[in-house]
PDBML (XML) file of the C-alpha atoms, coordinates in Angstrom:
<?xml version="1.0" encoding="UTF-8" ?>
<PDBx:datablock datablockName="MODEL"
   xmlns:PDBx="http://pdbml.pdb.org/schema/pdbx-v50.xsd"
   xmlns:xsi="http://www.w3.org/2001/XMLSchema-instance"
   xsi:schemaLocation="http://pdbml.pdb.org/schema/pdbx-v50.xsd pdbx-v50.xsd">
   <PDBx:atom_siteCategory>
      <PDBx:atom_site id="1">
         <PDBx:B_iso_or_equiv>0.00</PDBx:B_iso_or_equiv>
         <PDBx:Cartn_x>86.737</PDBx:Cartn_x>
         <PDBx:Cartn_y>124.059</PDBx:Cartn_y>
         <PDBx:Cartn_z>87.309</PDBx:Cartn_z>
         <PDBx:auth_asym_id>A</PDBx:auth_asym_id>
         <PDBx:auth_atom_id>CA</PDBx:auth_atom_id>
         <PDBx:auth_comp_id>UNK</PDBx:auth_comp_id>
         <PDBx:auth_seq_id>1</PDBx:auth_seq_id>
         <PDBx:group_PDB>ATOM</PDBx:group_PDB>
         <PDBx:label_alt_id xsi:nil="true" />
         <PDBx:label_asym_id>A</PDBx:label_asym_id>
         <PDBx:label_atom_id>CA</PDBx:label_atom_id>
         <PDBx:label_comp_id>UNK</PDBx:label_comp_id>
         <PDBx:label_entity_id>1</PDBx:label_entity_id>
         <PDBx:label_seq_id>1</PDBx:label_seq_id>
         <PDBx:occupancy>1.00</PDBx:occupancy>
         <PDBx:pdbx_PDB_model_num>1</PDBx:pdbx_PDB_model_num>
         <PDBx:type_symbol>C</PDBx:type_symbol>
      </PDBx:atom_site>
      <PDBx:atom_site id="2">
         <PDBx:B_iso_or_equiv>0.00</PDBx:B_iso_or_equiv>
         <PDBx:Cartn_x>89.175</PDBx:Cartn_x>
         <PDBx:Cartn_y>121.642</PDBx:Cartn_y>
         <PDBx:Cartn_z>85.710</PDBx:Cartn_z>
         <PDBx:auth_asym_id>A</PDBx:auth_asym_id>
         <PDBx:auth_atom_id>CA</PDBx:auth_atom_id>
         <PDBx:auth_comp_id>UNK</PDBx:auth_comp_id>
         <PDBx:auth_seq_id>2</PDBx:auth_seq_id>
         <PDBx:group_PDB>ATOM</PDBx:group_PDB>
         <PDBx:label_alt_id xsi:nil="true" />
         <PDBx:label_asym_id>A</PDBx:label_asym_id>
         <PDBx:label_atom_id>CA</PDBx:label_atom_id>
         <PDBx:label_comp_id>UNK</PDBx:label_comp_id>
         <PDBx:label_entity_id>1</PDBx:label_entity_id>
         <PDBx:label_seq_id>2</PDBx:label_seq_id>
         <PDBx:occupancy>1.00</PDBx:occupancy>
         <PDBx:pdbx_PDB_model_num>1</PDBx:pdbx_PDB_model_num>
         <PDBx:type_symbol>C</PDBx:type_symbol>
      </PDBx:atom_site>
      <PDBx:atom_site id="3">
         <PDBx:B_iso_or_equiv>0.00</PDBx:B_iso_or_equiv>
         <PDBx:Cartn_x>90.277</PDBx:Cartn_x>
         <PDBx:Cartn_y>118.346</PDBx:Cartn_y>
         <PDBx:Cartn_z>87.272</PDBx:Cartn_z>
         <PDBx:auth_asym_id>A</PDBx:auth_asym_id>
         <PDBx:auth_atom_id>CA</PDBx:auth_atom_id>
         <PDBx:auth_comp_id>UNK</PDBx:auth_comp_id>
         <PDBx:auth_seq_id>3</PDBx:auth_seq_id>
         <PDBx:group_PDB>ATOM</PDBx:group_PDB>
         <PDBx:label_alt_id xsi:nil="true" />
         <PDBx:label_asym_id>A</PDBx:label_asym_id>
         <PDBx:label_atom_id>CA</PDBx:label_atom_id>
         <PDBx:label_comp_id>UNK</PDBx:label_comp_id>
         <PDBx:label_entity_id>1</PDBx:label_entity_id>
         <PDBx:label_seq_id>3</PDBx:label_seq_id>
         <PDBx:occupancy>1.00</PDBx:occupancy>
         <PDBx:pdbx_PDB_model_num>1</PDBx:pdbx_PDB_model_num>
         <PDBx:type_symbol>C</PDBx:type_symbol>
      </PDBx:atom_site>
      <PDBx:atom_site id="4">
         <PDBx:B_iso_or_equiv>0.00</PDBx:B_iso_or_equiv>
         <PDBx:Cartn_x>93.922</PDBx:Cartn_x>
         <PDBx:Cartn_y>118.801</PDBx:Cartn_y>
         <PDBx:Cartn_z>86.262</PDBx:Cartn_z>
         <PDBx:auth_asym_id>A</PDBx:auth_asym_id>
         <PDBx:auth_atom_id>CA</PDBx:auth_atom_id>
         <PDBx:auth_comp_id>UNK</PDBx:auth_comp_id>
         <PDBx:auth_seq_id>4</PDBx:auth_seq_id>
         <PDBx:group_PDB>ATOM</PDBx:group_PDB>
         <PDBx:label_alt_id xsi:nil="true" />
         <PDBx:label_asym_id>A</PDBx:label_asym_id>
         <PDBx:label_atom_id>CA</PDBx:label_atom_id>
         <PDBx:label_comp_id>UNK</PDBx:label_comp_id>
         <PDBx:label_entity_id>1</PDBx:label_entity_id>
         <PDBx:label_seq_id>4</PDBx:label_seq_id>
         <PDBx:occupancy>1.00</PDBx:occupancy>
         <PDBx:pdbx_PDB_model_num>1</PDBx:pdbx_PDB_model_num>
         <PDBx:type_symbol>C</PDBx:type_symbol>
      </PDBx:atom_site>
      <PDBx:atom_site id="5">
         <PDBx:B_iso_or_equiv>0.00</PDBx:B_iso_or_equiv>
         <PDBx:Cartn_x>94.067</PDBx:Cartn_x>
         <PDBx:Cartn_y>122.281</PDBx:Cartn_y>
         <PDBx:Cartn_z>87.808</PDBx:Cartn_z>
         <PDBx:auth_asym_id>A</PDBx:auth_asym_id>
         <PDBx:auth_atom_id>CA</PDBx:auth_atom_id>
         <PDBx:auth_comp_id>UNK</PDBx:auth_comp_id>
         <PDBx:auth_seq_id>5</PDBx:auth_seq_id>
         <PDBx:group_PDB>ATOM</PDBx:group_PDB>
         <PDBx:label_alt_id xsi:nil="true" />
         <PDBx:label_asym_id>A</PDBx:label_asym_id>
         <PDBx:label_atom_id>CA</PDBx:label_atom_id>
         <PDBx:label_comp_id>UNK</PDBx:label_comp_id>
         <PDBx:label_entity_id>1</PDBx:label_entity_id>
         <PDBx:label_seq_id>5</PDBx:label_seq_id>
         <PDBx:occupancy>1.00</PDBx:occupancy>
         <PDBx:pdbx_PDB_model_num>1</PDBx:pdbx_PDB_model_num>
         <PDBx:type_symbol>C</PDBx:type_symbol>
      </PDBx:atom_site>
      <PDBx:atom_site id="6">
         <PDBx:B_iso_or_equiv>0.00</PDBx:B_iso_or_equiv>
         <PDBx:Cartn_x>92.546</PDBx:Cartn_x>
         <PDBx:Cartn_y>121.016</PDBx:Cartn_y>
         <PDBx:Cartn_z>91.040</PDBx:Cartn_z>
         <PDBx:auth_asym_id>A</PDBx:auth_asym_id>
         <PDBx:auth_atom_id>CA</PDBx:auth_atom_id>
         <PDBx:auth_comp_id>UNK</PDBx:auth_comp_id>
         <PDBx:auth_seq_id>6</PDBx:auth_seq_id>
         <PDBx:group_PDB>ATOM</PDBx:group_PDB>
         <PDBx:label_alt_id xsi:nil="true" />
         <PDBx:label_asym_id>A</PDBx:label_asym_id>
         <PDBx:label_atom_id>CA</PDBx:label_atom_id>
         <PDBx:label_comp_id>UNK</PDBx:label_comp_id>
         <PDBx:label_entity_id>1</PDBx:label_entity_id>
         <PDBx:label_seq_id>6</PDBx:label_seq_id>
         <PDBx:occupancy>1.00</PDBx:occupancy>
         <PDBx:pdbx_PDB_model_num>1</PDBx:pdbx_PDB_model_num>
         <PDBx:type_symbol>C</PDBx:type_symbol>
      </PDBx:atom_site>
      <PDBx:atom_site id="7">
         <PDBx:B_iso_or_equiv>0.00</PDBx:B_iso_or_equiv>
         <PDBx:Cartn_x>95.047</PDBx:Cartn_x>
         <PDBx:Cartn_y>118.146</PDBx:Cartn_y>
         <PDBx:Cartn_z>91.092</PDBx:Cartn_z>
         <PDBx:auth_asym_id>A</PDBx:auth_asym_id>
         <PDBx:auth_atom_id>CA</PDBx:auth_atom_id>
         <PDBx:auth_comp_id>UNK</PDBx:auth_comp_id>
         <PDBx:auth_seq_id>7</PDBx:auth_seq_id>
         <PDBx:group_PDB>ATOM</PDBx:group_PDB>
         <PDBx:label_alt_id xsi:nil="true" />
         <PDBx:label_asym_id>A</PDBx:label_asym_id>
         <PDBx:label_atom_id>CA</PDBx:label_atom_id>
         <PDBx:label_comp_id>UNK</PDBx:label_comp_id>
         <PDBx:label_entity_id>1</PDBx:label_entity_id>
         <PDBx:label_seq_id>7</PDBx:label_seq_id>
         <PDBx:occupancy>1.00</PDBx:occupancy>
         <PDBx:pdbx_PDB_model_num>1</PDBx:pdbx_PDB_model_num>
         <PDBx:type_symbol>C</PDBx:type_symbol>
      </PDBx:atom_site>
      <PDBx:atom_site id="8">
         <PDBx:B_iso_or_equiv>0.00</PDBx:B_iso_or_equiv>
         <PDBx:Cartn_x>97.870</PDBx:Cartn_x>
         <PDBx:Cartn_y>120.621</PDBx:Cartn_y>
         <PDBx:Cartn_z>90.439</PDBx:Cartn_z>
         <PDBx:auth_asym_id>A</PDBx:auth_asym_id>
         <PDBx:auth_atom_id>CA</PDBx:auth_atom_id>
         <PDBx:auth_comp_id>UNK</PDBx:auth_comp_id>
         <PDBx:auth_seq_id>8</PDBx:auth_seq_id>
         <PDBx:group_PDB>ATOM</PDBx:group_PDB>
         <PDBx:label_alt_id xsi:nil="true" />
         <PDBx:label_asym_id>A</PDBx:label_asym_id>
         <PDBx:label_atom_id>CA</PDBx:label_atom_id>
         <PDBx:label_comp_id>UNK</PDBx:label_comp_id>
         <PDBx:label_entity_id>1</PDBx:label_entity_id>
         <PDBx:label_seq_id>8</PDBx:label_seq_id>
         <PDBx:occupancy>1.00</PDBx:occupancy>
         <PDBx:pdbx_PDB_model_num>1</PDBx:pdbx_PDB_model_num>
         <PDBx:type_symbol>C</PDBx:type_symbol>
      </PDBx:atom_site>
      <PDBx:atom_site id="9">
         <PDBx:B_iso_or_equiv>0.00</PDBx:B_iso_or_equiv>
         <PDBx:Cartn_x>96.712</PDBx:Cartn_x>
         <PDBx:Cartn_y>122.757</PDBx:Cartn_y>
         <PDBx:Cartn_z>93.369</PDBx:Cartn_z>
         <PDBx:auth_asym_id>A</PDBx:auth_asym_id>
         <PDBx:auth_atom_id>CA</PDBx:auth_atom_id>
         <PDBx:auth_comp_id>UNK</PDBx:auth_comp_id>
         <PDBx:auth_seq_id>9</PDBx:auth_seq_id>
         <PDBx:group_PDB>ATOM</PDBx:group_PDB>
         <PDBx:label_alt_id xsi:nil="true" />
         <PDBx:label_asym_id>A</PDBx:label_asym_id>
         <PDBx:label_atom_id>CA</PDBx:label_atom_id>
         <PDBx:label_comp_id>UNK</PDBx:label_comp_id>
         <PDBx:label_entity_id>1</PDBx:label_entity_id>
         <PDBx:label_seq_id>9</PDBx:label_seq_id>
         <PDBx:occupancy>1.00</PDBx:occupancy>
         <PDBx:pdbx_PDB_model_num>1</PDBx:pdbx_PDB_model_num>
         <PDBx:type_symbol>C</PDBx:type_symbol>
      </PDBx:atom_site>
      <PDBx:atom_site id="10">
         <PDBx:B_iso_or_equiv>0.00</PDBx:B_iso_or_equiv>
         <PDBx:Cartn_x>96.531</PDBx:Cartn_x>
         <PDBx:Cartn_y>119.678</PDBx:Cartn_y>
         <PDBx:Cartn_z>95.566</PDBx:Cartn_z>
         <PDBx:auth_asym_id>A</PDBx:auth_asym_id>
         <PDBx:auth_atom_id>CA</PDBx:auth_atom_id>
         <PDBx:auth_comp_id>UNK</PDBx:auth_comp_id>
         <PDBx:auth_seq_id>10</PDBx:auth_seq_id>
         <PDBx:group_PDB>ATOM</PDBx:group_PDB>
         <PDBx:label_alt_id xsi:nil="true" />
         <PDBx:label_asym_id>A</PDBx:label_asym_id>
         <PDBx:label_atom_id>CA</PDBx:label_atom_id>
         <PDBx:label_comp_id>UNK</PDBx:label_comp_id>
         <PDBx:label_entity_id>1</PDBx:label_entity_id>
         <PDBx:label_seq_id>10</PDBx:label_seq_id>
         <PDBx:occupancy>1.00</PDBx:occupancy>
         <PDBx:pdbx_PDB_model_num>1</PDBx:pdbx_PDB_model_num>
         <PDBx:type_symbol>C</PDBx:type_symbol>
      </PDBx:atom_site>
      <PDBx:atom_site id="11">
         <PDBx:B_iso_or_equiv>0.00</PDBx:B_iso_or_equiv>
         <PDBx:Cartn_x>100.058</PDBx:Cartn_x>
         <PDBx:Cartn_y>118.655</PDBx:Cartn_y>
         <PDBx:Cartn_z>94.540</PDBx:Cartn_z>
         <PDBx:auth_asym_id>A</PDBx:auth_asym_id>
         <PDBx:auth_atom_id>CA</PDBx:auth_atom_id>
         <PDBx:auth_comp_id>UNK</PDBx:auth_comp_id>
         <PDBx:auth_seq_id>11</PDBx:auth_seq_id>
         <PDBx:group_PDB>ATOM</PDBx:group_PDB>
         <PDBx:label_alt_id xsi:nil="true" />
         <PDBx:label_asym_id>A</PDBx:label_asym_id>
         <PDBx:label_atom_id>CA</PDBx:label_atom_id>
         <PDBx:label_comp_id>UNK</PDBx:label_comp_id>
         <PDBx:label_entity_id>1</PDBx:label_entity_id>
         <PDBx:label_seq_id>11</PDBx:label_seq_id>
         <PDBx:occupancy>1.00</PDBx:occupancy>
         <PDBx:pdbx_PDB_model_num>1</PDBx:pdbx_PDB_model_num>
         <PDBx:type_symbol>C</PDBx:type_symbol>
      </PDBx:atom_site>
      <PDBx:atom_site id="12">
         <PDBx:B_iso_or_equiv>0.00</PDBx:B_iso_or_equiv>
         <PDBx:Cartn_x>101.412</PDBx:Cartn_x>
         <PDBx:Cartn_y>122.154</PDBx:Cartn_y>
         <PDBx:Cartn_z>95.197</PDBx:Cartn_z>
         <PDBx:auth_asym_id>A</PDBx:auth_asym_id>
         <PDBx:auth_atom_id>CA</PDBx:auth_atom_id>
         <PDBx:auth_comp_id>UNK</PDBx:auth_comp_id>
         <PDBx:auth_seq_id>12</PDBx:auth_seq_id>
         <PDBx:group_PDB>ATOM</PDBx:group_PDB>
         <PDBx:label_alt_id xsi:nil="true" />
         <PDBx:label_asym_id>A</PDBx:label_asym_id>
         <PDBx:label_atom_id>CA</PDBx:label_atom_id>
         <PDBx:label_comp_id>UNK</PDBx:label_comp_id>
         <PDBx:label_entity_id>1</PDBx:label_entity_id>
         <PDBx:label_seq_id>12</PDBx:label_seq_id>
         <PDBx:occupancy>1.00</PDBx:occupancy>
         <PDBx:pdbx_PDB_model_num>1</PDBx:pdbx_PDB_model_num>
         <PDBx:type_symbol>C</PDBx:type_symbol>
      </PDBx:atom_site>
      <PDBx:atom_site id="13">
         <PDBx:B_iso_or_equiv>0.00</PDBx:B_iso_or_equiv>
         <PDBx:Cartn_x>99.648</PDBx:Cartn_x>
         <PDBx:Cartn_y>122.229</PDBx:Cartn_y>
         <PDBx:Cartn_z>98.565</PDBx:Cartn_z>
         <PDBx:auth_asym_id>A</PDBx:auth_asym_id>
         <PDBx:auth_atom_id>CA</PDBx:auth_atom_id>
         <PDBx:auth_comp_id>UNK</PDBx:auth_comp_id>
         <PDBx:auth_seq_id>13</PDBx:auth_seq_id>
         <PDBx:group_PDB>ATOM</PDBx:group_PDB>
         <PDBx:label_alt_id xsi:nil="true" />
         <PDBx:label_asym_id>A</PDBx:label_asym_id>
         <PDBx:label_atom_id>CA</PDBx:label_atom_id>
         <PDBx:label_comp_id>UNK</PDBx:label_comp_id>
         <PDBx:label_entity_id>1</PDBx:label_entity_id>
         <PDBx:label_seq_id>13</PDBx:label_seq_id>
         <PDBx:occupancy>1.00</PDBx:occupancy>
         <PDBx:pdbx_PDB_model_num>1</PDBx:pdbx_PDB_model_num>
         <PDBx:type_symbol>C</PDBx:type_symbol>
      </PDBx:atom_site>
      <PDBx:atom_site id="14">
         <PDBx:B_iso_or_equiv>0.00</PDBx:B_iso_or_equiv>
         <PDBx:Cartn_x>101.287</PDBx:Cartn_x>
         <PDBx:Cartn_y>118.878</PDBx:Cartn_y>
         <PDBx:Cartn_z>99.383</PDBx:Cartn_z>
         <PDBx:auth_asym_id>A</PDBx:auth_asym_id>
         <PDBx:auth_atom_id>CA</PDBx:auth_atom_id>
         <PDBx:auth_comp_id>UNK</PDBx:auth_comp_id>
         <PDBx:auth_seq_id>14</PDBx:auth_seq_id>
         <PDBx:group_PDB>ATOM</PDBx:group_PDB>
         <PDBx:label_alt_id xsi:nil="true" />
         <PDBx:label_asym_id>A</PDBx:label_asym_id>
         <PDBx:label_atom_id>CA</PDBx:label_atom_id>
         <PDBx:label_comp_id>UNK</PDBx:label_comp_id>
         <PDBx:label_entity_id>1</PDBx:label_entity_id>
         <PDBx:label_seq_id>14</PDBx:label_seq_id>
         <PDBx:occupancy>1.00</PDBx:occupancy>
         <PDBx:pdbx_PDB_model_num>1</PDBx:pdbx_PDB_model_num>
         <PDBx:type_symbol>C</PDBx:type_symbol>
      </PDBx:atom_site>
      <PDBx:atom_site id="15">
         <PDBx:B_iso_or_equiv>0.00</PDBx:B_iso_or_equiv>
         <PDBx:Cartn_x>104.737</PDBx:Cartn_x>
         <PDBx:Cartn_y>120.336</PDBx:Cartn_y>
         <PDBx:Cartn_z>98.629</PDBx:Cartn_z>
         <PDBx:auth_asym_id>A</PDBx:auth_asym_id>
         <PDBx:auth_atom_id>CA</PDBx:auth_atom_id>
         <PDBx:auth_comp_id>UNK</PDBx:auth_comp_id>
         <PDBx:auth_seq_id>15</PDBx:auth_seq_id>
         <PDBx:group_PDB>ATOM</PDBx:group_PDB>
         <PDBx:label_alt_id xsi:nil="true" />
         <PDBx:label_asym_id>A</PDBx:label_asym_id>
         <PDBx:label_atom_id>CA</PDBx:label_atom_id>
         <PDBx:label_comp_id>UNK</PDBx:label_comp_id>
         <PDBx:label_entity_id>1</PDBx:label_entity_id>
         <PDBx:label_seq_id>15</PDBx:label_seq_id>
         <PDBx:occupancy>1.00</PDBx:occupancy>
         <PDBx:pdbx_PDB_model_num>1</PDBx:pdbx_PDB_model_num>
         <PDBx:type_symbol>C</PDBx:type_symbol>
      </PDBx:atom_site>
      <PDBx:atom_site id="16">
         <PDBx:B_iso_or_equiv>0.00</PDBx:B_iso_or_equiv>
         <PDBx:Cartn_x>105.369</PDBx:Cartn_x>
         <PDBx:Cartn_y>119.756</PDBx:Cartn_y>
         <PDBx:Cartn_z>94.929</PDBx:Cartn_z>
         <PDBx:auth_asym_id>A</PDBx:auth_asym_id>
         <PDBx:auth_atom_id>CA</PDBx:auth_atom_id>
         <PDBx:auth_comp_id>UNK</PDBx:auth_comp_id>
         <PDBx:auth_seq_id>16</PDBx:auth_seq_id>
         <PDBx:group_PDB>ATOM</PDBx:group_PDB>
         <PDBx:label_alt_id xsi:nil="true" />
         <PDBx:label_asym_id>A</PDBx:label_asym_id>
         <PDBx:label_atom_id>CA</PDBx:label_atom_id>
         <PDBx:label_comp_id>UNK</PDBx:label_comp_id>
         <PDBx:label_entity_id>1</PDBx:label_entity_id>
         <PDBx:label_seq_id>16</PDBx:label_seq_id>
         <PDBx:occupancy>1.00</PDBx:occupancy>
         <PDBx:pdbx_PDB_model_num>1</PDBx:pdbx_PDB_model_num>
         <PDBx:type_symbol>C</PDBx:type_symbol>
      </PDBx:atom_site>
      <PDBx:atom_site id="17">
         <PDBx:B_iso_or_equiv>0.00</PDBx:B_iso_or_equiv>
         <PDBx:Cartn_x>106.608</PDBx:Cartn_x>
         <PDBx:Cartn_y>123.190</PDBx:Cartn_y>
         <PDBx:Cartn_z>93.949</PDBx:Cartn_z>
         <PDBx:auth_asym_id>A</PDBx:auth_asym_id>
         <PDBx:auth_atom_id>CA</PDBx:auth_atom_id>
         <PDBx:auth_comp_id>UNK</PDBx:auth_comp_id>
         <PDBx:auth_seq_id>17</PDBx:auth_seq_id>
         <PDBx:group_PDB>ATOM</PDBx:group_PDB>
         <PDBx:label_alt_id xsi:nil="true" />
         <PDBx:label_asym_id>A</PDBx:label_asym_id>
         <PDBx:label_atom_id>CA</PDBx:label_atom_id>
         <PDBx:label_comp_id>UNK</PDBx:label_comp_id>
         <PDBx:label_entity_id>1</PDBx:label_entity_id>
         <PDBx:label_seq_id>17</PDBx:label_seq_id>
         <PDBx:occupancy>1.00</PDBx:occupancy>
         <PDBx:pdbx_PDB_model_num>1</PDBx:pdbx_PDB_model_num>
         <PDBx:type_symbol>C</PDBx:type_symbol>
      </PDBx:atom_site>
      <PDBx:atom_site id="18">
         <PDBx:B_iso_or_equiv>0.00</PDBx:B_iso_or_equiv>
         <PDBx:Cartn_x>108.174</PDBx:Cartn_x>
         <PDBx:Cartn_y>123.101</PDBx:Cartn_y>
         <PDBx:Cartn_z>90.490</PDBx:Cartn_z>
         <PDBx:auth_asym_id>A</PDBx:auth_asym_id>
         <PDBx:auth_atom_id>CA</PDBx:auth_atom_id>
         <PDBx:auth_comp_id>UNK</PDBx:auth_comp_id>
         <PDBx:auth_seq_id>18</PDBx:auth_seq_id>
         <PDBx:group_PDB>ATOM</PDBx:group_PDB>
         <PDBx:label_alt_id xsi:nil="true" />
         <PDBx:label_asym_id>A</PDBx:label_asym_id>
         <PDBx:label_atom_id>CA</PDBx:label_atom_id>
         <PDBx:label_comp_id>UNK</PDBx:label_comp_id>
         <PDBx:label_entity_id>1</PDBx:label_entity_id>
         <PDBx:label_seq_id>18</PDBx:label_seq_id>
         <PDBx:occupancy>1.00</PDBx:occupancy>
         <PDBx:pdbx_PDB_model_num>1</PDBx:pdbx_PDB_model_num>
         <PDBx:type_symbol>C</PDBx:type_symbol>
      </PDBx:atom_site>
      <PDBx:atom_site id="19">
         <PDBx:B_iso_or_equiv>0.00</PDBx:B_iso_or_equiv>
         <PDBx:Cartn_x>106.988</PDBx:Cartn_x>
         <PDBx:Cartn_y>122.284</PDBx:Cartn_y>
         <PDBx:Cartn_z>86.999</PDBx:Cartn_z>
         <PDBx:auth_asym_id>A</PDBx:auth_asym_id>
         <PDBx:auth_atom_id>CA</PDBx:auth_atom_id>
         <PDBx:auth_comp_id>UNK</PDBx:auth_comp_id>
         <PDBx:auth_seq_id>19</PDBx:auth_seq_id>
         <PDBx:group_PDB>ATOM</PDBx:group_PDB>
         <PDBx:label_alt_id xsi:nil="true" />
         <PDBx:label_asym_id>A</PDBx:label_asym_id>
         <PDBx:label_atom_id>CA</PDBx:label_atom_id>
         <PDBx:label_comp_id>UNK</PDBx:label_comp_id>
         <PDBx:label_entity_id>1</PDBx:label_entity_id>
         <PDBx:label_seq_id>19</PDBx:label_seq_id>
         <PDBx:occupancy>1.00</PDBx:occupancy>
         <PDBx:pdbx_PDB_model_num>1</PDBx:pdbx_PDB_model_num>
         <PDBx:type_symbol>C</PDBx:type_symbol>
      </PDBx:atom_site>
      <PDBx:atom_site id="20">
         <PDBx:B_iso_or_equiv>0.00</PDBx:B_iso_or_equiv>
         <PDBx:Cartn_x>109.798</PDBx:Cartn_x>
         <PDBx:Cartn_y>119.721</PDBx:Cartn_y>
         <PDBx:Cartn_z>86.754</PDBx:Cartn_z>
         <PDBx:auth_asym_id>A</PDBx:auth_asym_id>
         <PDBx:auth_atom_id>CA</PDBx:auth_atom_id>
         <PDBx:auth_comp_id>UNK</PDBx:auth_comp_id>
         <PDBx:auth_seq_id>20</PDBx:auth_seq_id>
         <PDBx:group_PDB>ATOM</PDBx:group_PDB>
         <PDBx:label_alt_id xsi:nil="true" />
         <PDBx:label_asym_id>A</PDBx:label_asym_id>
         <PDBx:label_atom_id>CA</PDBx:label_atom_id>
         <PDBx:label_comp_id>UNK</PDBx:label_comp_id>
         <PDBx:label_entity_id>1</PDBx:label_entity_id>
         <PDBx:label_seq_id>20</PDBx:label_seq_id>
         <PDBx:occupancy>1.00</PDBx:occupancy>
         <PDBx:pdbx_PDB_model_num>1</PDBx:pdbx_PDB_model_num>
         <PDBx:type_symbol>C</PDBx:type_symbol>
      </PDBx:atom_site>
      <PDBx:atom_site id="21">
         <PDBx:B_iso_or_equiv>0.00</PDBx:B_iso_or_equiv>
         <PDBx:Cartn_x>108.416</PDBx:Cartn_x>
         <PDBx:Cartn_y>117.915</PDBx:Cartn_y>
         <PDBx:Cartn_z>89.818</PDBx:Cartn_z>
         <PDBx:auth_asym_id>A</PDBx:auth_asym_id>
         <PDBx:auth_atom_id>CA</PDBx:auth_atom_id>
         <PDBx:auth_comp_id>UNK</PDBx:auth_comp_id>
         <PDBx:auth_seq_id>21</PDBx:auth_seq_id>
         <PDBx:group_PDB>ATOM</PDBx:group_PDB>
         <PDBx:label_alt_id xsi:nil="true" />
         <PDBx:label_asym_id>A</PDBx:label_asym_id>
         <PDBx:label_atom_id>CA</PDBx:label_atom_id>
         <PDBx:label_comp_id>UNK</PDBx:label_comp_id>
         <PDBx:label_entity_id>1</PDBx:label_entity_id>
         <PDBx:label_seq_id>21</PDBx:label_seq_id>
         <PDBx:occupancy>1.00</PDBx:occupancy>
         <PDBx:pdbx_PDB_model_num>1</PDBx:pdbx_PDB_model_num>
         <PDBx:type_symbol>C</PDBx:type_symbol>
      </PDBx:atom_site>
      <PDBx:atom_site id="22">
         <PDBx:B_iso_or_equiv>0.00</PDBx:B_iso_or_equiv>
         <PDBx:Cartn_x>104.870</PDBx:Cartn_x>
         <PDBx:Cartn_y>118.147</PDBx:Cartn_y>
         <PDBx:Cartn_z>88.475</PDBx:Cartn_z>
         <PDBx:auth_asym_id>A</PDBx:auth_asym_id>
         <PDBx:auth_atom_id>CA</PDBx:auth_atom_id>
         <PDBx:auth_comp_id>UNK</PDBx:auth_comp_id>
         <PDBx:auth_seq_id>22</PDBx:auth_seq_id>
         <PDBx:group_PDB>ATOM</PDBx:group_PDB>
         <PDBx:label_alt_id xsi:nil="true" />
         <PDBx:label_asym_id>A</PDBx:label_asym_id>
         <PDBx:label_atom_id>CA</PDBx:label_atom_id>
         <PDBx:label_comp_id>UNK</PDBx:label_comp_id>
         <PDBx:label_entity_id>1</PDBx:label_entity_id>
         <PDBx:label_seq_id>22</PDBx:label_seq_id>
         <PDBx:occupancy>1.00</PDBx:occupancy>
         <PDBx:pdbx_PDB_model_num>1</PDBx:pdbx_PDB_model_num>
         <PDBx:type_symbol>C</PDBx:type_symbol>
      </PDBx:atom_site>
      <PDBx:atom_site id="23">
         <PDBx:B_iso_or_equiv>0.00</PDBx:B_iso_or_equiv>
         <PDBx:Cartn_x>106.005</PDBx:Cartn_x>
         <PDBx:Cartn_y>116.795</PDBx:Cartn_y>
         <PDBx:Cartn_z>85.088</PDBx:Cartn_z>
         <PDBx:auth_asym_id>A</PDBx:auth_asym_id>
         <PDBx:auth_atom_id>CA</PDBx:auth_atom_id>
         <PDBx:auth_comp_id>UNK</PDBx:auth_comp_id>
         <PDBx:auth_seq_id>23</PDBx:auth_seq_id>
         <PDBx:group_PDB>ATOM</PDBx:group_PDB>
         <PDBx:label_alt_id xsi:nil="true" />
         <PDBx:label_asym_id>A</PDBx:label_asym_id>
         <PDBx:label_atom_id>CA</PDBx:label_atom_id>
         <PDBx:label_comp_id>UNK</PDBx:label_comp_id>
         <PDBx:label_entity_id>1</PDBx:label_entity_id>
         <PDBx:label_seq_id>23</PDBx:label_seq_id>
         <PDBx:occupancy>1.00</PDBx:occupancy>
         <PDBx:pdbx_PDB_model_num>1</PDBx:pdbx_PDB_model_num>
         <PDBx:type_symbol>C</PDBx:type_symbol>
      </PDBx:atom_site>
      <PDBx:atom_site id="24">
         <PDBx:B_iso_or_equiv>0.00</PDBx:B_iso_or_equiv>
         <PDBx:Cartn_x>107.174</PDBx:Cartn_x>
         <PDBx:Cartn_y>113.600</PDBx:Cartn_y>
         <PDBx:Cartn_z>86.806</PDBx:Cartn_z>
         <PDBx:auth_asym_id>A</PDBx:auth_asym_id>
         <PDBx:auth_atom_id>CA</PDBx:auth_atom_id>
         <PDBx:auth_comp_id>UNK</PDBx:auth_comp_id>
         <PDBx:auth_seq_id>24</PDBx:auth_seq_id>
         <PDBx:group_PDB>ATOM</PDBx:group_PDB>
         <PDBx:label_alt_id xsi:nil="true" />
         <PDBx:label_asym_id>A</PDBx:label_asym_id>
         <PDBx:label_atom_id>CA</PDBx:label_atom_id>
         <PDBx:label_comp_id>UNK</PDBx:label_comp_id>
         <PDBx:label_entity_id>1</PDBx:label_entity_id>
         <PDBx:label_seq_id>24</PDBx:label_seq_id>
         <PDBx:occupancy>1.00</PDBx:occupancy>
         <PDBx:pdbx_PDB_model_num>1</PDBx:pdbx_PDB_model_num>
         <PDBx:type_symbol>C</PDBx:type_symbol>
      </PDBx:atom_site>
   </PDBx:atom_siteCategory>
</PDBx:datablock>
């Protein structure tokens, strides 16, 4: 129920796997 968490899930689903990549 949080937009950032949904965006994180979408990024992980698209192949972004690490916190370092997400932090970019």
